[in-house]
Amino acid sequence: MSRPGGTVLNITPKVFACPSEKVTDSFPRANGIQFQASYRVNLYLFRASGGSAKSAGPLRASLVPTTTQTLMLTEKTYDSWDFQTSATDLNSMLVNWNSTSTSQKDYLTSGFGRHMGSSVATAADGHSVSLKLASYQPGAPNPTTFIDLGDTRYDTGLWPQPTKPNLYLREKNTNDGF
């Protein structure tokens, strides 16, 4: 990895690495991943400027009415390109949760299994929580909802509303989410 001025670094940054995710791979990886990154952001807060998820424009902080209940940051596997996540991404993981495949979005590729049935998450106000998730049961029917994570606060989401969600991904079921 190079730093400004062209000096090559012989170490990779660990600021984006979860201490519980032990990685023995060397970087950069053949798939282009330059360093271990164990976290992803909420696409509805950190908006896309292109592609199918392109939003209408930057999100102003004043448009997030409940920062204490809005997911900002959560975990991912270190070797995926999934740096932003949407409701569609999370729903794909949920409907394939108990799959034994490692080539689709599911529990095994989600990064949510690092902390024994829970995932570290940070809300938009900066506080962190541990989200409870369904256990992985290979071949069993998939759960219908995330235990502590709701899709929308005031709209019909892509998965049924949990009984007592800890955080939500977005306010309403739109491309911009707020």
Foldseek 3Di string as FASTA:
>chain_A
DADPVGDDDPDDDCPQPDPLDDDPDDPPDPVRQGHFHFKAFECLQVPDCDDPLHDPDHDDPVVAPCQQFAWTMWTFGRPDPRRYDALVLVVQQQQCAQEPDPPTRHVVGGSQPSPPQWIWTATSVGDIDTFGADDHDHPDGGDQDGQAEAAADDEDGPGDGHPHHSHYSAHYPDSNRD
